[in-house]
């Protein structure tokens, strides 16, 4: 199972409400869901993970990202403090690991 470690505080929403993901948290990757909003020419991604807590329990979280058609950089849309601002924070600023969906690169997206 792939593990992601964040370099910036994140905020995620799930059925229980808002969850803060502090810097240095371990996220166990589960899957990536992709959708295309053709009118806006933007792909959106929901990366489902389990947040590994200090007691080794797991909390499901979603990391939301986006990318404009024709660009190569993934934007992380759930960075804490920038949720309602237009600040663009890229994947490589938040994670050292590659974006977790090999099929996207293979298809040229």
Protein backbone atom coordinates (compact mmCIF):
# COMPACT_ATOMS: atom_id res chain seq x y z
CA UNK A 1 0.00 0.00 0.00
CA UNK A 2 1.36 3.44 -0.95
CA UNK A 3 1.88 5.97 1.85
CA UNK A 4 1.76 9.74 1.39
CA UNK A 5 3.22 12.23 3.88
CA UNK A 6 2.07 15.86 3.70
CA UNK A 7 4.43 18.84 4.03
CA UNK A 8 1.60 21.37 4.58
CA UNK A 9 -1.49 21.29 6.84
CA UNK A 10 -4.57 20.01 5.01
CA UNK A 11 -8.31 20.03 5.73
CA UNK A 12 -10.62 17.25 4.60
CA UNK A 13 -14.36 16.79 4.81
CA UNK A 14 -16.18 13.51 5.35
CA UNK A 15 -19.55 12.38 6.73
CA UNK A 16 -18.44 13.32 10.27
CA UNK A 17 -17.47 16.88 9.33
CA UNK A 18 -14.14 18.64 8.90
CA UNK A 19 -10.87 16.86 9.69
CA UNK A 20 -7.55 18.65 10.08
CA UNK A 21 -4.55 16.78 8.70
CA UNK A 22 -1.43 18.22 10.38
CA UNK A 23 1.94 18.47 8.61
CA UNK A 24 3.83 15.17 8.64
CA UNK A 25 0.75 12.94 8.78
CA UNK A 26 0.85 9.51 7.18
CA UNK A 27 -1.90 8.85 4.65
CA UNK A 28 -2.49 5.33 3.38
CA UNK A 29 -3.56 5.59 -0.28
CA UNK A 30 -6.71 3.70 -1.29
CA UNK A 31 -7.87 5.00 -4.70
CA UNK A 32 -8.21 8.02 -6.98
CA UNK A 33 -11.54 9.02 -8.53
CA UNK A 34 -11.36 11.29 -11.56
CA UNK A 35 -13.95 13.43 -13.30
CA UNK A 36 -13.79 15.91 -16.18
CA UNK A 37 -15.78 19.12 -16.16
CA UNK A 38 -15.71 19.81 -19.90
CA UNK A 39 -17.25 23.29 -19.74
CA UNK A 40 -14.50 24.52 -17.37
CA UNK A 41 -11.85 22.31 -19.01
CA UNK A 42 -10.72 20.98 -15.65
CA UNK A 43 -10.15 17.53 -14.20
CA UNK A 44 -11.04 17.01 -10.56
CA UNK A 45 -9.62 14.23 -8.42
CA UNK A 46 -10.69 12.77 -5.10
CA UNK A 47 -7.85 10.78 -3.56
CA UNK A 48 -9.27 8.49 -0.90
CA UNK A 49 -6.87 7.71 1.94
CA UNK A 50 -6.80 6.54 5.52
CA UNK A 51 -5.20 8.97 7.97
CA UNK A 52 -2.99 6.87 10.25
CA UNK A 53 -3.45 8.22 13.77
CA UNK A 54 -0.85 8.05 16.57
CA UNK A 55 -2.61 4.99 18.06
CA UNK A 56 -2.43 3.29 14.60
CA UNK A 57 -6.21 3.67 14.11
CA UNK A 58 -7.37 4.82 10.68
CA UNK A 59 -9.66 7.70 9.74
CA UNK A 60 -10.96 7.92 6.15
CA UNK A 61 -10.13 11.24 4.45
CA UNK A 62 -10.37 12.61 0.91
CA UNK A 63 -7.67 14.77 -0.65
CA UNK A 64 -9.24 16.94 -3.35
CA UNK A 65 -7.14 18.06 -6.31
CA UNK A 66 -7.65 19.55 -9.75
CA UNK A 67 -5.79 20.13 -13.00
CA UNK A 68 -6.69 22.18 -16.08
CA UNK A 69 -6.82 20.32 -19.40
CA UNK A 70 -3.47 20.61 -21.18
CA UNK A 71 -1.43 21.35 -18.06
CA UNK A 72 0.89 19.02 -16.16
CA UNK A 73 0.62 20.42 -12.61
CA UNK A 74 -1.89 19.08 -10.10
CA UNK A 75 -3.32 21.64 -7.67
CA UNK A 76 -4.19 20.54 -4.12
CA UNK A 77 -7.55 22.11 -3.27
CA UNK A 78 -7.72 21.22 0.43
CA UNK A 79 -4.72 23.09 1.87
CA UNK A 80 -5.68 24.51 5.25
CA UNK A 81 -6.04 28.28 5.20
CA UNK A 82 -6.48 28.50 1.42
CA UNK A 83 -9.87 26.79 1.07
CA UNK A 84 -11.70 30.01 0.14
CA UNK A 85 -8.81 31.84 -1.52
CA UNK A 86 -7.59 31.59 -5.09
CA UNK A 87 -4.06 30.61 -4.04
CA UNK A 88 -2.66 27.76 -6.14
CA UNK A 89 -0.68 25.19 -4.16
CA UNK A 90 0.75 22.42 -6.31
CA UNK A 91 1.07 18.71 -5.55
CA UNK A 92 4.88 18.80 -5.26
CA UNK A 93 4.62 21.58 -2.64
CA UNK A 94 2.40 19.36 -0.47
CA UNK A 95 3.80 15.86 -1.08
CA UNK A 96 7.19 14.41 -2.06
CA UNK A 97 5.49 11.35 -3.56
CA UNK A 98 4.22 11.31 -7.15
CA UNK A 99 0.56 11.91 -7.88
CA UNK A 100 -1.05 8.49 -7.15
CA UNK A 101 -2.61 7.55 -10.45
CA UNK A 102 -0.36 6.02 -13.07
CA UNK A 103 -3.14 5.65 -15.67
CA UNK A 104 -3.50 9.42 -15.95
CA UNK A 105 0.11 9.85 -17.04
CA UNK A 106 -0.11 6.91 -19.42
CA UNK A 107 -3.15 8.47 -21.13
CA UNK A 108 -1.43 11.84 -21.44
CA UNK A 109 -3.56 13.74 -18.93
